[in-house]
Amino acid sequence: MLDDRKGGRFVIAPDCAVENTKQLYWPETNVLVTRYLSAEGAGEVIDYMPVGTTETGDGHHQIIRSVHACAAR
């Protein structure tokens, strides 16, 4: 997402073996859901990319990200 030479970088990823990964868009939206499933638990990353312009006329240049994880019982 970032310029790794100028702006840095980061990774959001499970630290265990992933058995299954699924991606989907919520119907009729630009909300992307990525789910990671493993024997150790599950994780979900939700990305939303706003569209349109702000009051100053600038376009939206951001990603809103939500990360959730839960351990298997």
C-alpha atoms as a PDB file:
ATOM      1  CA  MET A   1       0.000   0.000   0.000  1.00  0.00           C
ATOM      2  CA  LEU A   2       2.811   2.404   0.789  1.00  0.00           C
ATOM      3  CA  ASP A   3       5.951   3.263  -1.126  1.00  0.00           C
ATOM      4  CA  ASP A   4       8.458   0.947   0.599  1.00  0.00           C
ATOM      5  CA  ARG A   5      11.393   3.165  -0.399  1.00  0.00           C
ATOM      6  CA  LYS A   6       9.958   6.496   0.786  1.00  0.00           C
ATOM      7  CA  GLY A   7       6.941   5.952   2.982  1.00  0.00           C
ATOM      8  CA  GLY A   8       7.561   2.585   4.601  1.00  0.00           C
ATOM      9  CA  ARG A   9       5.466  -0.541   4.489  1.00  0.00           C
ATOM     10  CA  PHE A  10       3.631  -2.974   6.700  1.00  0.00           C
ATOM     11  CA  VAL A  11       2.016  -6.387   6.438  1.00  0.00           C
ATOM     12  CA  ILE A  12      -1.178  -7.680   7.953  1.00  0.00           C
ATOM     13  CA  ALA A  13      -1.008 -11.456   7.807  1.00  0.00           C
ATOM     14  CA  PRO A  14      -1.675 -14.489   9.999  1.00  0.00           C
ATOM     15  CA  ASP A  15       1.331 -15.885  11.871  1.00  0.00           C
ATOM     16  CA  CYS A  16       0.140 -19.470  11.447  1.00  0.00           C
ATOM     17  CA  ALA A  17      -0.512 -21.813   8.540  1.00  0.00           C
ATOM     18  CA  VAL A  18      -3.629 -20.692   6.662  1.00  0.00           C
ATOM     19  CA  GLU A  19      -5.872 -23.473   5.415  1.00  0.00           C
ATOM     20  CA  ASN A  20      -8.287 -21.343   3.439  1.00  0.00           C
ATOM     21  CA  THR A  21      -8.579 -17.732   2.260  1.00  0.00           C
ATOM     22  CA  LYS A  22     -11.727 -16.160   0.849  1.00  0.00           C
ATOM     23  CA  GLN A  23     -12.353 -12.711  -0.605  1.00  0.00           C
ATOM     24  CA  LEU A  24     -15.638 -11.087  -1.471  1.00  0.00           C
ATOM     25  CA  TYR A  25     -17.179  -7.685  -1.995  1.00  0.00           C
ATOM     26  CA  TRP A  26     -20.279  -6.825  -0.020  1.00  0.00           C
ATOM     27  CA  PRO A  27     -23.075  -6.699  -2.600  1.00  0.00           C
ATOM     28  CA  GLU A  28     -23.230  -3.450  -4.570  1.00  0.00           C
ATOM     29  CA  THR A  29     -20.399  -1.790  -2.575  1.00  0.00           C
ATOM     30  CA  ASN A  30     -16.662  -1.200  -2.749  1.00  0.00           C
ATOM     31  CA  VAL A  31     -16.130  -2.947   0.605  1.00  0.00           C
ATOM     32  CA  LEU A  32     -13.680  -5.852   0.249  1.00  0.00           C
ATOM     33  CA  VAL A  33     -13.708  -8.603   2.887  1.00  0.00           C
ATOM     34  CA  THR A  34     -10.767 -11.019   3.165  1.00  0.00           C
ATOM     35  CA  ARG A  35     -11.114 -13.995   5.521  1.00  0.00           C
ATOM     36  CA  TYR A  36      -8.308 -16.265   6.700  1.00  0.00           C
ATOM     37  CA  LEU A  37      -9.238 -19.626   8.208  1.00  0.00           C
ATOM     38  CA  SER A  38      -6.900 -21.998  10.064  1.00  0.00           C
ATOM     39  CA  ALA A  39      -6.976 -24.602  12.802  1.00  0.00           C
ATOM     40  CA  GLU A  40      -5.741 -21.919  15.229  1.00  0.00           C
ATOM     41  CA  GLY A  41      -8.598 -19.504  14.490  1.00  0.00           C
ATOM     42  CA  ALA A  42      -9.934 -17.039  11.962  1.00  0.00           C
ATOM     43  CA  GLY A  43      -9.102 -13.536  10.847  1.00  0.00           C
ATOM     44  CA  GLU A  44     -10.938 -10.965   8.788  1.00  0.00           C
ATOM     45  CA  VAL A  45      -9.689  -7.809   7.074  1.00  0.00           C
ATOM     46  CA  ILE A  46     -12.284  -5.344   5.771  1.00  0.00           C
ATOM     47  CA  ASP A  47     -11.124  -2.633   3.345  1.00  0.00           C
ATOM     48  CA  TYR A  48     -13.274   0.302   2.288  1.00  0.00           C
ATOM     49  CA  MET A  49     -12.157   2.783  -0.345  1.00  0.00           C
ATOM     50  CA  PRO A  50     -14.294   5.966  -0.268  1.00  0.00           C
ATOM     51  CA  VAL A  51     -15.193   7.523  -3.602  1.00  0.00           C
ATOM     52  CA  GLY A  52     -16.221  11.030  -4.534  1.00  0.00           C
ATOM     53  CA  THR A  53     -14.821  14.386  -3.563  1.00  0.00           C
ATOM     54  CA  THR A  54     -14.465  16.365  -0.354  1.00  0.00           C
ATOM     55  CA  GLU A  55     -15.757  19.894   0.269  1.00  0.00           C
ATOM     56  CA  THR A  56     -12.445  21.287  -1.071  1.00  0.00           C
ATOM     57  CA  GLY A  57     -12.831  19.331  -4.313  1.00  0.00           C
ATOM     58  CA  ASP A  58     -10.109  16.806  -3.515  1.00  0.00           C
ATOM     59  CA  GLY A  59     -10.795  13.167  -4.233  1.00  0.00           C
ATOM     60  CA  HIS A  60     -10.650  10.663  -1.425  1.00  0.00           C
ATOM     61  CA  HIS A  61      -7.175   9.127  -1.205  1.00  0.00           C
ATOM     62  CA  GLN A  62      -7.510   6.705   1.650  1.00  0.00           C
ATOM     63  CA  ILE A  63      -8.317   3.174   2.636  1.00  0.00           C
ATOM     64  CA  ILE A  64     -10.268   2.481   5.771  1.00  0.00           C
ATOM     65  CA  ARG A  65      -9.223  -0.896   7.168  1.00  0.00           C
ATOM     66  CA  SER A  66     -10.675  -2.969   9.977  1.00  0.00           C
ATOM     67  CA  VAL A  67      -8.897  -6.092  11.244  1.00  0.00           C
ATOM     68  CA  HIS A  68     -10.501  -8.751  13.455  1.00  0.00           C
ATOM     69  CA  ALA A  69      -9.135 -12.050  14.736  1.00  0.00           C
ATOM     70  CA  CYS A  70     -10.389 -14.817  16.984  1.00  0.00           C
ATOM     71  CA  ALA A  71      -8.703 -17.934  18.321  1.00  0.00           C
ATOM     72  CA  ALA A  72     -10.194 -21.416  17.992  1.00  0.00           C
ATOM     73  CA  ARG A  73     -11.477 -22.873  21.227  1.00  0.00           C
END
